[in-house]
Amino acid sequence: RLGRRYRYEEEERRRRSVADYFEPGNMVSLVLAFLLLGLSRNVYRNLASPNQVMNTSFDSLKLVNTYGAFGSVSKERKEVVLEATMAEDFSNPNALWEEYSFKCKPSG
């Protein structure tokens, strides 16, 4: 008797767990995941290619693209310098401007 009840509960649990996969929220997530994988096909091809193209979008919606962080690293770097003055007249050529220094700045 206990064996039958245990098997019945196991079957119910298995049926519920399979049915949970087909809930609308899970189906939308799966469809979006497969859509994104399909759109990424050209990105993967580009990644494996010996003639990689950097910083390019591969679909009209611009959802997937390549990221060229290391495509053109050079020794010369441009950086933003923030300066401030306590002078009331900013256009005064004698105004003392001081640069803000940041802890994580590459040259500072």
C-alpha atoms as a PDB file:
ATOM      1  CA  ARG A   1       0.000   0.000   0.000  1.00  0.00           C
ATOM      2  CA  LEU A   2       2.762   2.474   0.889  1.00  0.00           C
ATOM      3  CA  GLY A   3       4.639   1.502  -2.264  1.00  0.00           C
ATOM      4  CA  ARG A   4       1.641   2.402  -4.467  1.00  0.00           C
ATOM      5  CA  ARG A   5       1.155   5.722  -2.727  1.00  0.00           C
ATOM      6  CA  TYR A   6       4.856   6.545  -3.078  1.00  0.00           C
ATOM      7  CA  ARG A   7       4.779   5.718  -6.805  1.00  0.00           C
ATOM      8  CA  TYR A   8       1.643   7.846  -7.265  1.00  0.00           C
ATOM      9  CA  GLU A   9       3.267  10.806  -5.521  1.00  0.00           C
ATOM     10  CA  GLU A  10       6.439  10.364  -7.605  1.00  0.00           C
ATOM     11  CA  GLU A  11       4.407  10.369 -10.839  1.00  0.00           C
ATOM     12  CA  GLU A  12       2.514  13.474  -9.744  1.00  0.00           C
ATOM     13  CA  ARG A  13       5.748  15.244  -8.867  1.00  0.00           C
ATOM     14  CA  ARG A  14       7.285  14.286 -12.223  1.00  0.00           C
ATOM     15  CA  ARG A  15       4.163  15.433 -14.108  1.00  0.00           C
ATOM     16  CA  ARG A  16       4.173  18.769 -12.273  1.00  0.00           C
ATOM     17  CA  SER A  17       7.871  19.380 -12.875  1.00  0.00           C
ATOM     18  CA  VAL A  18       7.517  18.723 -16.626  1.00  0.00           C
ATOM     19  CA  ALA A  19       4.452  20.976 -16.796  1.00  0.00           C
ATOM     20  CA  ASP A  20       6.361  23.770 -15.049  1.00  0.00           C
ATOM     21  CA  TYR A  21       8.715  24.023 -18.031  1.00  0.00           C
ATOM     22  CA  PHE A  22       5.827  24.950 -20.288  1.00  0.00           C
ATOM     23  CA  GLU A  23       4.604  27.930 -18.280  1.00  0.00           C
ATOM     24  CA  PRO A  24       4.304  31.136 -20.355  1.00  0.00           C
ATOM     25  CA  GLY A  25       7.171  32.924 -18.586  1.00  0.00           C
ATOM     26  CA  ASN A  26       9.555  30.026 -19.171  1.00  0.00           C
ATOM     27  CA  MET A  27       8.516  29.724 -22.816  1.00  0.00           C
ATOM     28  CA  VAL A  28       9.127  33.433 -23.451  1.00  0.00           C
ATOM     29  CA  SER A  29      12.589  33.126 -21.903  1.00  0.00           C
ATOM     30  CA  LEU A  30      13.414  30.106 -24.045  1.00  0.00           C
ATOM     31  CA  VAL A  31      12.212  31.805 -27.242  1.00  0.00           C
ATOM     32  CA  LEU A  32      14.273  34.920 -26.465  1.00  0.00           C
ATOM     33  CA  ALA A  33      17.350  32.829 -25.672  1.00  0.00           C
ATOM     34  CA  PHE A  34      17.102  30.950 -28.986  1.00  0.00           C
ATOM     35  CA  LEU A  35      16.474  34.218 -30.850  1.00  0.00           C
ATOM     36  CA  LEU A  36      19.597  35.747 -29.318  1.00  0.00           C
ATOM     37  CA  LEU A  37      21.634  32.634 -30.144  1.00  0.00           C
ATOM     38  CA  GLY A  38      20.406  32.801 -33.741  1.00  0.00           C
ATOM     39  CA  LEU A  39      21.282  36.486 -34.042  1.00  0.00           C
ATOM     40  CA  SER A  40      24.733  35.795 -32.568  1.00  0.00           C
ATOM     41  CA  ARG A  41      25.585  33.278 -35.306  1.00  0.00           C
ATOM     42  CA  ASN A  42      27.517  35.855 -37.378  1.00  0.00           C
ATOM     43  CA  VAL A  43      29.311  37.145 -34.289  1.00  0.00           C
ATOM     44  CA  TYR A  44      30.595  33.630 -33.559  1.00  0.00           C
ATOM     45  CA  ARG A  45      31.705  33.231 -37.176  1.00  0.00           C
ATOM     46  CA  ASN A  46      33.566  36.543 -36.981  1.00  0.00           C
ATOM     47  CA  LEU A  47      35.221  35.508 -33.723  1.00  0.00           C
ATOM     48  CA  ALA A  48      36.570  32.331 -35.330  1.00  0.00           C
ATOM     49  CA  SER A  49      37.661  34.114 -38.508  1.00  0.00           C
ATOM     50  CA  PRO A  50      41.315  35.063 -39.092  1.00  0.00           C
ATOM     51  CA  ASN A  51      40.105  38.420 -40.497  1.00  0.00           C
ATOM     52  CA  GLN A  52      38.060  39.615 -37.532  1.00  0.00           C
ATOM     53  CA  VAL A  53      36.058  42.817 -37.791  1.00  0.00           C
ATOM     54  CA  MET A  54      35.974  44.861 -34.583  1.00  0.00           C
ATOM     55  CA  ASN A  55      33.207  47.154 -33.286  1.00  0.00           C
ATOM     56  CA  THR A  56      30.625  46.030 -35.838  1.00  0.00           C
ATOM     57  CA  SER A  57      26.932  45.269 -35.530  1.00  0.00           C
ATOM     58  CA  PHE A  58      25.722  42.170 -37.331  1.00  0.00           C
ATOM     59  CA  ASP A  59      21.964  42.719 -37.376  1.00  0.00           C
ATOM     60  CA  SER A  60      19.664  45.594 -38.253  1.00  0.00           C
ATOM     61  CA  LEU A  61      18.323  45.887 -34.695  1.00  0.00           C
ATOM     62  CA  LYS A  62      21.884  46.217 -33.308  1.00  0.00           C
ATOM     63  CA  LEU A  63      21.169  43.653 -30.578  1.00  0.00           C
ATOM     64  CA  VAL A  64      24.385  41.681 -31.030  1.00  0.00           C
ATOM     65  CA  ASN A  65      27.775  42.993 -32.086  1.00  0.00           C
ATOM     66  CA  THR A  66      31.471  42.510 -31.676  1.00  0.00           C
ATOM     67  CA  TYR A  67      33.325  44.274 -28.936  1.00  0.00           C
ATOM     68  CA  GLY A  68      36.728  45.503 -29.936  1.00  0.00           C
ATOM     69  CA  ALA A  69      38.331  46.352 -26.615  1.00  0.00           C
ATOM     70  CA  PHE A  70      41.706  45.066 -27.729  1.00  0.00           C
ATOM     71  CA  GLY A  71      41.415  45.834 -31.419  1.00  0.00           C
ATOM     72  CA  SER A  72      43.595  48.934 -31.377  1.00  0.00           C
ATOM     73  CA  VAL A  73      45.558  49.451 -28.194  1.00  0.00           C
ATOM     74  CA  SER A  74      48.275  52.061 -28.637  1.00  0.00           C
ATOM     75  CA  LYS A  75      50.810  53.793 -26.389  1.00  0.00           C
ATOM     76  CA  GLU A  76      49.274  57.218 -26.860  1.00  0.00           C
ATOM     77  CA  ARG A  77      46.142  57.681 -24.750  1.00  0.00           C
ATOM     78  CA  LYS A  78      43.759  60.568 -24.542  1.00  0.00           C
ATOM     79  CA  GLU A  79      42.205  61.264 -21.181  1.00  0.00           C
ATOM     80  CA  VAL A  80      39.830  63.795 -19.746  1.00  0.00           C
ATOM     81  CA  VAL A  81      41.323  66.277 -17.291  1.00  0.00           C
ATOM     82  CA  LEU A  82      38.954  67.921 -14.831  1.00  0.00           C
ATOM     83  CA  GLU A  83      39.987  71.315 -13.533  1.00  0.00           C
ATOM     84  CA  ALA A  84      38.275  73.880 -11.316  1.00  0.00           C
ATOM     85  CA  THR A  85      38.938  77.421 -10.179  1.00  0.00           C
ATOM     86  CA  MET A  86      37.799  79.502  -7.248  1.00  0.00           C
ATOM     87  CA  ALA A  87      37.951  82.693  -9.349  1.00  0.00           C
ATOM     88  CA  GLU A  88      34.645  84.444  -9.924  1.00  0.00           C
ATOM     89  CA  ASP A  89      35.592  85.420 -13.479  1.00  0.00           C
ATOM     90  CA  PHE A  90      36.289  82.231 -15.465  1.00  0.00           C
ATOM     91  CA  SER A  91      37.544  84.132 -18.503  1.00  0.00           C
ATOM     92  CA  ASN A  92      40.297  85.906 -16.522  1.00  0.00           C
ATOM     93  CA  PRO A  93      43.647  84.669 -17.907  1.00  0.00           C
ATOM     94  CA  ASN A  94      45.189  85.060 -14.429  1.00  0.00           C
ATOM     95  CA  ALA A  95      42.648  82.714 -12.805  1.00  0.00           C
ATOM     96  CA  LEU A  96      44.298  79.784 -11.054  1.00  0.00           C
ATOM     97  CA  TRP A  97      42.959  76.468 -12.356  1.00  0.00           C
ATOM     98  CA  GLU A  98      43.691  73.299 -10.383  1.00  0.00           C
ATOM     99  CA  GLU A  99      43.450  69.766 -11.710  1.00  0.00           C
ATOM    100  CA  TYR A 100      41.382  67.175  -9.827  1.00  0.00           C
ATOM    101  CA  SER A 101      43.416  64.044  -9.202  1.00  0.00           C
ATOM    102  CA  PHE A 102      41.765  60.635  -9.113  1.00  0.00           C
ATOM    103  CA  LYS A 103      43.137  57.478  -7.492  1.00  0.00           C
ATOM    104  CA  CYS A 104      42.460  55.212 -10.477  1.00  0.00           C
ATOM    105  CA  LYS A 105      43.652  57.561 -13.192  1.00  0.00           C
ATOM    106  CA  PRO A 106      46.286  55.850 -15.432  1.00  0.00           C
ATOM    107  CA  SER A 107      48.690  58.786 -15.474  1.00  0.00           C
ATOM    108  CA  GLY A 108      48.011  60.037 -11.962  1.00  0.00           C
END
